[in-house]
Amino acid sequence: MPLSMNREVFITCAVTGSGGTQDRSPHVPRSPAQIAEAAIDAAKAGAAVVHCHVRDPETGKPARDPALYREVTERIRDSATDVVLNLTAGMGGDLTLGGTDAPLPPVAGTDMIGAAERVAHVVACCPELCTLDCGTMNFAEADYIMVNTPGMLRDMAARMVASGTRVEIEAFDTGHLWFASQLVKEGIIPEPVLVQLCMGVPWGAPDDLNTFMAMVNNVPEGWHWSGFALGRNQMPYVAAAILAGGNVRVGLEDNLFLDKGVLATNAQLVERAVGIIENMGARIVGPDEVRKRLKLEKRAPA
């Protein structure tokens, strides 16, 4: 499809993620208070959307306790800063197999739960957006599989939509876009559709520009999309996504550094993205415009 630069850009800040980064930077937020503070600071710096995971406040390890999500969302809502809330629903699908000679039964590290439990925090906290990882994938951080079967994805998406939350599709490869298109065709995910192109996540789509353009060219016409890359390519992909017609995502979930050897905060990464966007001649879009564009409903928690 012909591409044109996006001149009305919104920024998503992914503030903490579920990777093992908690001991690699003091700026990776752990407690609900720290995560909420990081989200609020990112919003003040120019992010229209904050994408939130939760962590064990003591160890910093990834968690999925609904009470932690409740505290994060309440703290953000109680602040004077307006921002679109986007919660992950990616936890609860980790499968760690035994050795290559005896893969079954699964071993320690496996965290497999049902669809209702995977979206329980979404139903309870009523965010405007939540993510749906639209495929199964090997992950390089450890020897495990992120499992998202077609049946599980259909069930989760239906529950998200029924709760009043709009789905943000997360696509780690072109096949994930293919299946997401099927969910839209079946009427499970309603329009307007938002997709996040996730580049450079091992072992999904690598973050070279040829692969990125293949991803972009597989986004159906009329969908809204955003893109990001991991690590040192985070900021180059801010420019690449805008030039290709999309929106952008930055944050400590995807990259810990502002410059070589300089650890970043979430707000600093957003500020750097704002500078790139404005220097390219585009305008930063705020949360109210994102709500109009995506037909989001700002609600109180259940």
C-alpha atoms as a PDB file:
ATOM      1  CA  MET A   1       0.000   0.000   0.000  1.00  0.00           C
ATOM      2  CA  PRO A   2       1.194   3.580  -0.523  1.00  0.00           C
ATOM      3  CA  LEU A   3       2.685   5.078   2.608  1.00  0.00           C
ATOM      4  CA  SER A   4       2.448   8.616   3.909  1.00  0.00           C
ATOM      5  CA  MET A   5       3.929  10.181   6.996  1.00  0.00           C
ATOM      6  CA  ASN A   6       1.705  10.446  10.049  1.00  0.00           C
ATOM      7  CA  ARG A   7       1.509  14.066  11.161  1.00  0.00           C
ATOM      8  CA  GLU A   8      -0.855  13.492  14.105  1.00  0.00           C
ATOM      9  CA  VAL A   9       1.050  11.080  16.365  1.00  0.00           C
ATOM     10  CA  PHE A  10       0.213   9.613  19.740  1.00  0.00           C
ATOM     11  CA  ILE A  11       2.820   8.157  22.073  1.00  0.00           C
ATOM     12  CA  THR A  12       2.362   5.045  24.182  1.00  0.00           C
ATOM     13  CA  CYS A  13       4.716   4.562  27.115  1.00  0.00           C
ATOM     14  CA  ALA A  14       5.234   0.950  28.249  1.00  0.00           C
ATOM     15  CA  VAL A  15       6.451   1.677  31.742  1.00  0.00           C
ATOM     16  CA  THR A  16       7.742  -1.605  33.204  1.00  0.00           C
ATOM     17  CA  GLY A  17       6.890  -4.774  31.227  1.00  0.00           C
ATOM     18  CA  SER A  18       7.365  -8.370  32.357  1.00  0.00           C
ATOM     19  CA  GLY A  19      10.998  -8.938  31.402  1.00  0.00           C
ATOM     20  CA  GLY A  20      13.791  -9.642  33.860  1.00  0.00           C
ATOM     21  CA  THR A  21      14.968  -6.022  33.890  1.00  0.00           C
ATOM     22  CA  GLN A  22      14.211  -5.217  37.518  1.00  0.00           C
ATOM     23  CA  ASP A  23      17.841  -5.506  38.614  1.00  0.00           C
ATOM     24  CA  ARG A  24      19.365  -3.905  35.520  1.00  0.00           C
ATOM     25  CA  SER A  25      18.185  -0.368  36.214  1.00  0.00           C
ATOM     26  CA  PRO A  26      17.050   1.425  39.378  1.00  0.00           C
ATOM     27  CA  HIS A  27      14.484   3.255  37.248  1.00  0.00           C
ATOM     28  CA  VAL A  28      12.410   0.142  36.442  1.00  0.00           C
ATOM     29  CA  PRO A  29       9.345   0.600  38.664  1.00  0.00           C
ATOM     30  CA  ARG A  30       8.324  -2.327  40.916  1.00  0.00           C
ATOM     31  CA  SER A  31       5.621  -1.342  43.395  1.00  0.00           C
ATOM     32  CA  PRO A  32       2.172  -0.109  42.344  1.00  0.00           C
ATOM     33  CA  ALA A  33       3.094   3.332  43.658  1.00  0.00           C
ATOM     34  CA  GLN A  34       6.275   3.405  41.557  1.00  0.00           C
ATOM     35  CA  ILE A  35       4.509   2.104  38.441  1.00  0.00           C
ATOM     36  CA  ALA A  36       1.727   4.672  38.785  1.00  0.00           C
ATOM     37  CA  GLU A  37       4.233   7.474  39.389  1.00  0.00           C
ATOM     38  CA  ALA A  38       6.189   6.440  36.286  1.00  0.00           C
ATOM     39  CA  ALA A  39       2.981   6.390  34.243  1.00  0.00           C
ATOM     40  CA  ILE A  40       1.952   9.829  35.474  1.00  0.00           C
ATOM     41  CA  ASP A  41       5.404  11.267  34.753  1.00  0.00           C
ATOM     42  CA  ALA A  42       5.297   9.756  31.255  1.00  0.00           C
ATOM     43  CA  ALA A  43       1.908  11.321  30.638  1.00  0.00           C
ATOM     44  CA  LYS A  44       3.173  14.719  31.772  1.00  0.00           C
ATOM     45  CA  ALA A  45       6.096  14.304  29.366  1.00  0.00           C
ATOM     46  CA  GLY A  46       3.740  13.751  26.417  1.00  0.00           C
ATOM     47  CA  ALA A  47       2.477  10.156  26.414  1.00  0.00           C
ATOM     48  CA  ALA A  48      -1.228   9.871  25.603  1.00  0.00           C
ATOM     49  CA  VAL A  49      -1.350   6.167  26.543  1.00  0.00           C
ATOM     50  CA  VAL A  50       0.386   4.252  29.350  1.00  0.00           C
ATOM     51  CA  HIS A  51       0.786   0.491  29.010  1.00  0.00           C
ATOM     52  CA  CYS A  52       1.073  -1.172  32.422  1.00  0.00           C
ATOM     53  CA  HIS A  53       2.215  -4.522  33.769  1.00  0.00           C
ATOM     54  CA  VAL A  54       2.637  -5.159  37.495  1.00  0.00           C
ATOM     55  CA  ARG A  55       5.533  -6.643  39.478  1.00  0.00           C
ATOM     56  CA  ASP A  56       6.073  -8.152  42.877  1.00  0.00           C
ATOM     57  CA  PRO A  57       6.874  -5.066  44.986  1.00  0.00           C
ATOM     58  CA  GLU A  58       9.607  -6.901  46.910  1.00  0.00           C
ATOM     59  CA  THR A  59      11.449  -8.847  44.210  1.00  0.00           C
ATOM     60  CA  GLY A  60      10.494  -6.896  41.096  1.00  0.00           C
ATOM     61  CA  LYS A  61       9.565 -10.134  39.333  1.00  0.00           C
ATOM     62  CA  PRO A  62       6.581 -10.101  36.949  1.00  0.00           C
ATOM     63  CA  ALA A  63       3.214 -10.603  38.651  1.00  0.00           C
ATOM     64  CA  ARG A  64      -0.443 -10.819  37.695  1.00  0.00           C
ATOM     65  CA  ASP A  65      -2.178 -10.154  41.018  1.00  0.00           C
ATOM     66  CA  PRO A  66      -5.439  -8.248  40.322  1.00  0.00           C
ATOM     67  CA  ALA A  67      -4.974  -6.303  43.579  1.00  0.00           C
ATOM     68  CA  LEU A  68      -1.723  -4.844  42.249  1.00  0.00           C
ATOM     69  CA  TYR A  69      -3.456  -3.787  39.024  1.00  0.00           C
ATOM     70  CA  ARG A  70      -6.264  -2.248  41.033  1.00  0.00           C
ATOM     71  CA  GLU A  71      -3.817  -0.137  43.045  1.00  0.00           C
ATOM     72  CA  VAL A  72      -1.924   1.001  39.938  1.00  0.00           C
ATOM     73  CA  THR A  73      -5.081   2.041  38.095  1.00  0.00           C
ATOM     74  CA  GLU A  74      -6.604   3.758  41.119  1.00  0.00           C
ATOM     75  CA  ARG A  75      -3.435   5.759  41.735  1.00  0.00           C
ATOM     76  CA  ILE A  76      -3.322   6.908  38.106  1.00  0.00           C
ATOM     77  CA  ARG A  77      -7.023   7.756  38.049  1.00  0.00           C
ATOM     78  CA  ASP A  78      -6.780   9.661  41.339  1.00  0.00           C
ATOM     79  CA  SER A  79      -3.978  11.838  39.987  1.00  0.00           C
ATOM     80  CA  ALA A  80      -4.648  15.133  38.255  1.00  0.00           C
ATOM     81  CA  THR A  81      -3.031  13.813  35.053  1.00  0.00           C
ATOM     82  CA  ASP A  82      -5.247  12.559  32.235  1.00  0.00           C
ATOM     83  CA  VAL A  83      -3.963   9.563  30.281  1.00  0.00           C
ATOM     84  CA  VAL A  84      -5.430   6.551  28.469  1.00  0.00           C
ATOM     85  CA  LEU A  85      -5.003   3.390  30.568  1.00  0.00           C
ATOM     86  CA  ASN A  86      -3.776   0.294  28.738  1.00  0.00           C
ATOM     87  CA  LEU A  87      -3.282  -2.899  30.769  1.00  0.00           C
ATOM     88  CA  THR A  88      -1.501  -6.027  29.617  1.00  0.00           C
ATOM     89  CA  ALA A  89      -3.331  -9.344  29.377  1.00  0.00           C
ATOM     90  CA  GLY A  90      -0.197 -11.202  28.348  1.00  0.00           C
ATOM     91  CA  MET A  91       0.460 -13.024  31.614  1.00  0.00           C
ATOM     92  CA  GLY A  92      -0.678 -16.570  32.316  1.00  0.00           C
ATOM     93  CA  GLY A  93       0.333 -18.233  29.056  1.00  0.00           C
ATOM     94  CA  ASP A  94       3.910 -19.320  29.767  1.00  0.00           C
ATOM     95  CA  LEU A  95       4.789 -22.946  29.037  1.00  0.00           C
ATOM     96  CA  THR A  96       8.177 -24.296  30.113  1.00  0.00           C
ATOM     97  CA  LEU A  97       8.847 -27.812  28.874  1.00  0.00           C
ATOM     98  CA  GLY A  98      11.179 -30.430  30.309  1.00  0.00           C
ATOM     99  CA  GLY A  99      14.425 -31.368  28.580  1.00  0.00           C
ATOM    100  CA  THR A 100      14.606 -32.285  24.930  1.00  0.00           C
ATOM    101  CA  ASP A 101      14.405 -36.003  25.726  1.00  0.00           C
ATOM    102  CA  ALA A 102      11.418 -35.632  28.043  1.00  0.00           C
ATOM    103  CA  PRO A 103       9.496 -32.425  27.296  1.00  0.00           C
ATOM    104  CA  LEU A 104       6.389 -33.493  29.224  1.00  0.00           C
ATOM    105  CA  PRO A 105       5.209 -32.848  31.835  1.00  0.00           C
ATOM    106  CA  PRO A 106       5.865 -29.101  31.956  1.00  0.00           C
ATOM    107  CA  VAL A 107       8.377 -27.932  34.557  1.00  0.00           C
ATOM    108  CA  ALA A 108       8.952 -24.981  36.868  1.00  0.00           C
ATOM    109  CA  GLY A 109       8.357 -21.670  35.131  1.00  0.00           C
ATOM    110  CA  THR A 110       5.068 -22.794  33.593  1.00  0.00           C
ATOM    111  CA  ASP A 111       2.199 -20.414  34.334  1.00  0.00           C
ATOM    112  CA  MET A 112      -0.876 -21.528  32.405  1.00  0.00           C
ATOM    113  CA  ILE A 113      -4.311 -20.280  33.452  1.00  0.00           C
ATOM    114  CA  GLY A 114      -7.733 -20.011  31.822  1.00  0.00           C
ATOM    115  CA  ALA A 115      -9.169 -17.150  29.807  1.00  0.00           C
ATOM    116  CA  ALA A 116     -11.376 -15.825  32.615  1.00  0.00           C
ATOM    117  CA  GLU A 117      -8.419 -15.571  34.985  1.00  0.00           C
ATOM    118  CA  ARG A 118      -6.164 -14.043  32.329  1.00  0.00           C
ATOM    119  CA  VAL A 119      -8.554 -11.126  31.881  1.00  0.00           C
ATOM    120  CA  ALA A 120      -9.921 -10.879  35.458  1.00  0.00           C
ATOM    121  CA  HIS A 121      -7.920  -7.720  36.198  1.00  0.00           C
ATOM    122  CA  VAL A 122      -9.172  -6.135  32.977  1.00  0.00           C
ATOM    123  CA  VAL A 123     -12.800  -6.815  33.871  1.00  0.00           C
ATOM    124  CA  ALA A 124     -12.253  -5.464  37.397  1.00  0.00           C
ATOM    125  CA  CYS A 125     -10.172  -2.380  36.565  1.00  0.00           C
ATOM    126  CA  CYS A 126     -12.028  -1.240  33.409  1.00  0.00           C
ATOM    127  CA  PRO A 127      -9.082   0.192  31.450  1.00  0.00           C
ATOM    128  CA  GLU A 128      -9.803   1.852  28.126  1.00  0.00           C
ATOM    129  CA  LEU A 129      -7.385  -0.499  26.327  1.00  0.00           C
ATOM    130  CA  CYS A 130      -5.824  -3.884  26.968  1.00  0.00           C
ATOM    131  CA  THR A 131      -3.429  -5.970  24.923  1.00  0.00           C
ATOM    132  CA  LEU A 132      -4.042  -9.268  23.156  1.00  0.00           C
ATOM    133  CA  ASP A 133      -0.890 -11.096  21.998  1.00  0.00           C
ATOM    134  CA  CYS A 134      -2.222 -12.628  18.814  1.00  0.00           C
ATOM    135  CA  GLY A 135      -0.039 -15.721  18.524  1.00  0.00           C
ATOM    136  CA  THR A 136       2.123 -18.361  20.134  1.00  0.00           C
ATOM    137  CA  MET A 137       5.866 -17.689  20.138  1.00  0.00           C
ATOM    138  CA  ASN A 138       9.229 -18.864  21.464  1.00  0.00           C
ATOM    139  CA  PHE A 139      10.884 -16.356  23.790  1.00  0.00           C
ATOM    140  CA  ALA A 140      14.654 -15.978  24.051  1.00  0.00           C
ATOM    141  CA  GLU A 141      14.716 -14.537  27.563  1.00  0.00           C
ATOM    142  CA  ALA A 142      14.275 -18.117  28.822  1.00  0.00           C
ATOM    143  CA  ASP A 143      13.533 -21.495  27.269  1.00  0.00           C
ATOM    144  CA  TYR A 144       9.759 -21.134  27.265  1.00  0.00           C
ATOM    145  CA  ILE A 145       6.800 -20.663  24.946  1.00  0.00           C
ATOM    146  CA  MET A 146       4.241 -17.868  25.099  1.00  0.00           C
ATOM    147  CA  VAL A 147       1.098 -19.874  24.369  1.00  0.00           C
ATOM    148  CA  ASN A 148      -1.923 -18.194  22.802  1.00  0.00           C
ATOM    149  CA  THR A 149      -4.062 -20.733  20.949  1.00  0.00           C
ATOM    150  CA  PRO A 150      -6.824 -19.619  18.558  1.00  0.00           C
ATOM    151  CA  GLY A 151      -9.486 -20.765  21.019  1.00  0.00           C
ATOM    152  CA  MET A 152      -7.864 -18.939  23.939  1.00  0.00           C
ATOM    153  CA  LEU A 153      -7.523 -15.739  21.913  1.00  0.00           C
ATOM    154  CA  ARG A 154     -11.135 -15.856  20.763  1.00  0.00           C
ATOM    155  CA  ASP A 155     -12.302 -16.354  24.349  1.00  0.00           C
ATOM    156  CA  MET A 156     -10.068 -13.640  25.816  1.00  0.00           C
ATOM    157  CA  ALA A 157     -10.954 -11.117  23.109  1.00  0.00           C
ATOM    158  CA  ALA A 158     -14.679 -11.740  23.587  1.00  0.00           C
ATOM    159  CA  ARG A 159     -14.357 -11.195  27.344  1.00  0.00           C
ATOM    160  CA  MET A 160     -12.365  -7.997  26.840  1.00  0.00           C
ATOM    161  CA  VAL A 161     -14.940  -6.578  24.454  1.00  0.00           C
ATOM    162  CA  ALA A 162     -17.866  -7.612  26.675  1.00  0.00           C
ATOM    163  CA  SER A 163     -16.234  -5.784  29.592  1.00  0.00           C
ATOM    164  CA  GLY A 164     -16.208  -2.544  27.581  1.00  0.00           C
ATOM    165  CA  THR A 165     -12.455  -2.453  26.985  1.00  0.00           C
ATOM    166  CA  ARG A 166     -11.059  -2.014  23.483  1.00  0.00           C
ATOM    167  CA  VAL A 167      -8.481  -4.545  22.352  1.00  0.00           C
ATOM    168  CA  GLU A 168      -4.987  -3.470  21.353  1.00  0.00           C
ATOM    169  CA  ILE A 169      -3.687  -6.289  19.169  1.00  0.00           C
ATOM    170  CA  GLU A 170      -0.016  -7.046  19.741  1.00  0.00           C
ATOM    171  CA  ALA A 171       1.599  -8.575  16.650  1.00  0.00           C
ATOM    172  CA  PHE A 172       5.076 -10.085  16.942  1.00  0.00           C
ATOM    173  CA  ASP A 173       5.092 -11.498  13.402  1.00  0.00           C
ATOM    174  CA  THR A 174       3.054 -11.364  10.202  1.00  0.00           C
ATOM    175  CA  GLY A 175       1.068 -14.489  11.087  1.00  0.00           C
ATOM    176  CA  HIS A 176      -0.226 -12.712  14.173  1.00  0.00           C
ATOM    177  CA  LEU A 177      -1.640  -9.994  11.943  1.00  0.00           C
ATOM    178  CA  TRP A 178      -3.227 -12.676   9.783  1.00  0.00           C
ATOM    179  CA  PHE A 179      -5.033 -14.200  12.762  1.00  0.00           C
ATOM    180  CA  ALA A 180      -5.994 -10.777  14.146  1.00  0.00           C
ATOM    181  CA  SER A 181      -7.617 -10.022  10.797  1.00  0.00           C
ATOM    182  CA  GLN A 182      -9.602 -13.221  11.193  1.00  0.00           C
ATOM    183  CA  LEU A 183     -10.814 -12.131  14.645  1.00  0.00           C
ATOM    184  CA  VAL A 184     -11.995  -8.844  13.135  1.00  0.00           C
ATOM    185  CA  LYS A 185     -13.647 -10.666  10.219  1.00  0.00           C
ATOM    186  CA  GLU A 186     -15.506 -12.900  12.683  1.00  0.00           C
ATOM    187  CA  GLY A 187     -16.754  -9.827  14.558  1.00  0.00           C
ATOM    188  CA  ILE A 188     -14.948 -10.773  17.783  1.00  0.00           C
ATOM    189  CA  ILE A 189     -12.786  -7.640  17.715  1.00  0.00           C
ATOM    190  CA  PRO A 190     -14.884  -4.614  16.677  1.00  0.00           C
ATOM    191  CA  GLU A 191     -13.733  -1.565  14.755  1.00  0.00           C
ATOM    192  CA  PRO A 192     -11.935   0.764  15.127  1.00  0.00           C
ATOM    193  CA  VAL A 193      -9.001  -1.621  15.342  1.00  0.00           C
ATOM    194  CA  LEU A 194      -5.666  -0.805  16.980  1.00  0.00           C
ATOM    195  CA  VAL A 195      -2.539  -2.914  16.494  1.00  0.00           C
ATOM    196  CA  GLN A 196       0.938  -2.636  17.992  1.00  0.00           C
ATOM    197  CA  LEU A 197       3.787  -3.884  15.776  1.00  0.00           C
ATOM    198  CA  CYS A 198       6.395  -5.441  18.082  1.00  0.00           C
ATOM    199  CA  MET A 199       9.806  -5.517  16.421  1.00  0.00           C
ATOM    200  CA  GLY A 200      12.997  -7.176  17.542  1.00  0.00           C
ATOM    201  CA  VAL A 201      11.471  -9.415  20.231  1.00  0.00           C
ATOM    202  CA  PRO A 202      13.312 -12.754  19.986  1.00  0.00           C
ATOM    203  CA  TRP A 203      12.073 -14.910  18.286  1.00  0.00           C
ATOM    204  CA  GLY A 204       9.443 -12.873  16.509  1.00  0.00           C
ATOM    205  CA  ALA A 205       9.889 -10.370  13.707  1.00  0.00           C
ATOM    206  CA  PRO A 206      13.444  -8.947  13.614  1.00  0.00           C
ATOM    207  CA  ASP A 207      13.773  -5.179  13.669  1.00  0.00           C
ATOM    208  CA  ASP A 208      15.258  -4.660  10.221  1.00  0.00           C
ATOM    209  CA  LEU A 209      13.420  -2.238   7.967  1.00  0.00           C
ATOM    210  CA  ASN A 210      12.512  -4.824   5.333  1.00  0.00           C
ATOM    211  CA  THR A 211      10.696  -6.915   7.932  1.00  0.00           C
ATOM    212  CA  PHE A 212       9.141  -3.815   9.463  1.00  0.00           C
ATOM    213  CA  MET A 213       7.714  -2.791   6.103  1.00  0.00           C
ATOM    214  CA  ALA A 214       6.379  -6.321   5.611  1.00  0.00           C
ATOM    215  CA  MET A 215       4.569  -5.911   8.924  1.00  0.00           C
ATOM    216  CA  VAL A 216       3.284  -2.458   7.995  1.00  0.00           C
ATOM    217  CA  ASN A 217       2.094  -3.705   4.601  1.00  0.00           C
ATOM    218  CA  ASN A 218       0.132  -6.468   6.329  1.00  0.00           C
ATOM    219  CA  VAL A 219      -1.827  -4.033   8.496  1.00  0.00           C
ATOM    220  CA  PRO A 220      -5.330  -3.922   6.945  1.00  0.00           C
ATOM    221  CA  GLU A 221      -6.478  -0.616   5.518  1.00  0.00           C
ATOM    222  CA  GLY A 222      -8.327   1.497   8.040  1.00  0.00           C
ATOM    223  CA  TRP A 223      -6.667   0.033  11.126  1.00  0.00           C
ATOM    224  CA  HIS A 224      -4.807   2.300  13.544  1.00  0.00           C
ATOM    225  CA  TRP A 225      -1.314   1.132  14.342  1.00  0.00           C
ATOM    226  CA  SER A 226       1.741   1.851  16.398  1.00  0.00           C
ATOM    227  CA  GLY A 227       5.216   0.358  16.339  1.00  0.00           C
ATOM    228  CA  PHE A 228       8.284  -0.103  18.492  1.00  0.00           C
ATOM    229  CA  ALA A 229      11.647  -1.856  18.569  1.00  0.00           C
ATOM    230  CA  LEU A 230      13.717  -3.098  21.470  1.00  0.00           C
ATOM    231  CA  GLY A 231      16.941  -1.678  22.854  1.00  0.00           C
ATOM    232  CA  ARG A 232      19.089   0.781  20.953  1.00  0.00           C
ATOM    233  CA  ASN A 233      16.683   0.796  17.996  1.00  0.00           C
ATOM    234  CA  GLN A 234      13.832   2.197  20.064  1.00  0.00           C
ATOM    235  CA  MET A 235      14.333   5.794  18.952  1.00  0.00           C
ATOM    236  CA  PRO A 236      15.154   5.044  15.292  1.00  0.00           C
ATOM    237  CA  TYR A 237      11.831   3.205  15.157  1.00  0.00           C
ATOM    238  CA  VAL A 238      10.040   6.281  16.444  1.00  0.00           C
ATOM    239  CA  ALA A 239      11.090   7.952  13.192  1.00  0.00           C
ATOM    240  CA  ALA A 240      10.463   4.825  11.095  1.00  0.00           C
ATOM    241  CA  ALA A 241       6.931   4.347  12.433  1.00  0.00           C
ATOM    242  CA  ILE A 242       5.990   7.979  11.791  1.00  0.00           C
ATOM    243  CA  LEU A 243       7.371   7.900   8.247  1.00  0.00           C
ATOM    244  CA  ALA A 244       5.424   4.724   7.545  1.00  0.00           C
ATOM    245  CA  GLY A 245       2.169   6.300   8.789  1.00  0.00           C
ATOM    246  CA  GLY A 246       1.969   4.970  12.354  1.00  0.00           C
ATOM    247  CA  ASN A 247       2.162   5.998  15.975  1.00  0.00           C
ATOM    248  CA  VAL A 248       4.944   5.202  18.429  1.00  0.00           C
ATOM    249  CA  ARG A 249       5.737   3.382  21.651  1.00  0.00           C
ATOM    250  CA  VAL A 250       8.680   3.923  23.980  1.00  0.00           C
ATOM    251  CA  GLY A 251       9.394   3.057  27.604  1.00  0.00           C
ATOM    252  CA  LEU A 252      11.441   0.918  29.960  1.00  0.00           C
ATOM    253  CA  GLU A 253       9.595  -2.267  28.986  1.00  0.00           C
ATOM    254  CA  ASP A 254      11.479  -2.133  25.685  1.00  0.00           C
ATOM    255  CA  ASN A 255      14.687  -0.190  26.346  1.00  0.00           C
ATOM    256  CA  LEU A 256      16.592   0.878  29.470  1.00  0.00           C
ATOM    257  CA  PHE A 257      18.959   3.466  27.975  1.00  0.00           C
ATOM    258  CA  LEU A 258      18.674   7.088  26.913  1.00  0.00           C
ATOM    259  CA  ASP A 259      22.165   7.073  25.394  1.00  0.00           C
ATOM    260  CA  LYS A 260      25.015   4.585  25.438  1.00  0.00           C
ATOM    261  CA  GLY A 261      25.749   3.852  29.088  1.00  0.00           C
ATOM    262  CA  VAL A 262      23.098   6.313  30.320  1.00  0.00           C
ATOM    263  CA  LEU A 263      20.132   4.711  32.049  1.00  0.00           C
ATOM    264  CA  ALA A 264      16.805   6.362  31.264  1.00  0.00           C
ATOM    265  CA  THR A 265      13.559   7.059  33.056  1.00  0.00           C
ATOM    266  CA  ASN A 266      10.253   6.555  31.297  1.00  0.00           C
ATOM    267  CA  ALA A 267       9.661  10.304  31.192  1.00  0.00           C
ATOM    268  CA  GLN A 268      13.058  10.895  29.563  1.00  0.00           C
ATOM    269  CA  LEU A 269      12.283   8.341  26.843  1.00  0.00           C
ATOM    270  CA  VAL A 270       8.960  10.041  26.162  1.00  0.00           C
ATOM    271  CA  GLU A 271      10.661  13.437  26.039  1.00  0.00           C
ATOM    272  CA  ARG A 272      13.198  12.090  23.535  1.00  0.00           C
ATOM    273  CA  ALA A 273      10.355  10.722  21.376  1.00  0.00           C
ATOM    274  CA  VAL A 274       8.519  14.052  21.562  1.00  0.00           C
ATOM    275  CA  GLY A 275      11.619  15.803  20.236  1.00  0.00           C
ATOM    276  CA  ILE A 276      11.945  13.389  17.309  1.00  0.00           C
ATOM    277  CA  ILE A 277       8.264  13.705  16.424  1.00  0.00           C
ATOM    278  CA  GLU A 278       8.192  17.487  16.583  1.00  0.00           C
ATOM    279  CA  ASN A 279      11.475  17.854  14.705  1.00  0.00           C
ATOM    280  CA  MET A 280       9.936  15.769  11.930  1.00  0.00           C
ATOM    281  CA  GLY A 281       7.138  18.311  11.661  1.00  0.00           C
ATOM    282  CA  ALA A 282       4.427  16.192  13.268  1.00  0.00           C
ATOM    283  CA  ARG A 283       2.098  17.064  16.144  1.00  0.00           C
ATOM    284  CA  ILE A 284       1.738  15.175  19.436  1.00  0.00           C
ATOM    285  CA  VAL A 285      -1.815  13.928  20.004  1.00  0.00           C
ATOM    286  CA  GLY A 286      -3.209  13.928  23.540  1.00  0.00           C
ATOM    287  CA  PRO A 287      -5.468  11.439  25.345  1.00  0.00           C
ATOM    288  CA  ASP A 288      -8.766  13.088  24.413  1.00  0.00           C
ATOM    289  CA  GLU A 289      -7.918  12.909  20.704  1.00  0.00           C
ATOM    290  CA  VAL A 290      -6.881   9.276  21.088  1.00  0.00           C
ATOM    291  CA  ARG A 291     -10.237   8.543  22.712  1.00  0.00           C
ATOM    292  CA  LYS A 292     -12.090  10.141  19.800  1.00  0.00           C
ATOM    293  CA  ARG A 293      -9.959   8.322  17.244  1.00  0.00           C
ATOM    294  CA  LEU A 294     -10.368   4.899  18.864  1.00  0.00           C
ATOM    295  CA  LYS A 295     -13.854   5.440  20.334  1.00  0.00           C
ATOM    296  CA  LEU A 296     -12.669   4.783  23.864  1.00  0.00           C
ATOM    297  CA  GLU A 297     -14.793   5.142  26.954  1.00  0.00           C
ATOM    298  CA  LYS A 298     -13.217   6.477  30.117  1.00  0.00           C
ATOM    299  CA  ARG A 299     -14.866   4.533  32.948  1.00  0.00           C
ATOM    300  CA  ALA A 300     -14.709   3.997  36.688  1.00  0.00           C
ATOM    301  CA  PRO A 301     -13.507   0.584  37.899  1.00  0.00           C
ATOM    302  CA  ALA A 302     -16.090  -2.151  38.540  1.00  0.00           C
END
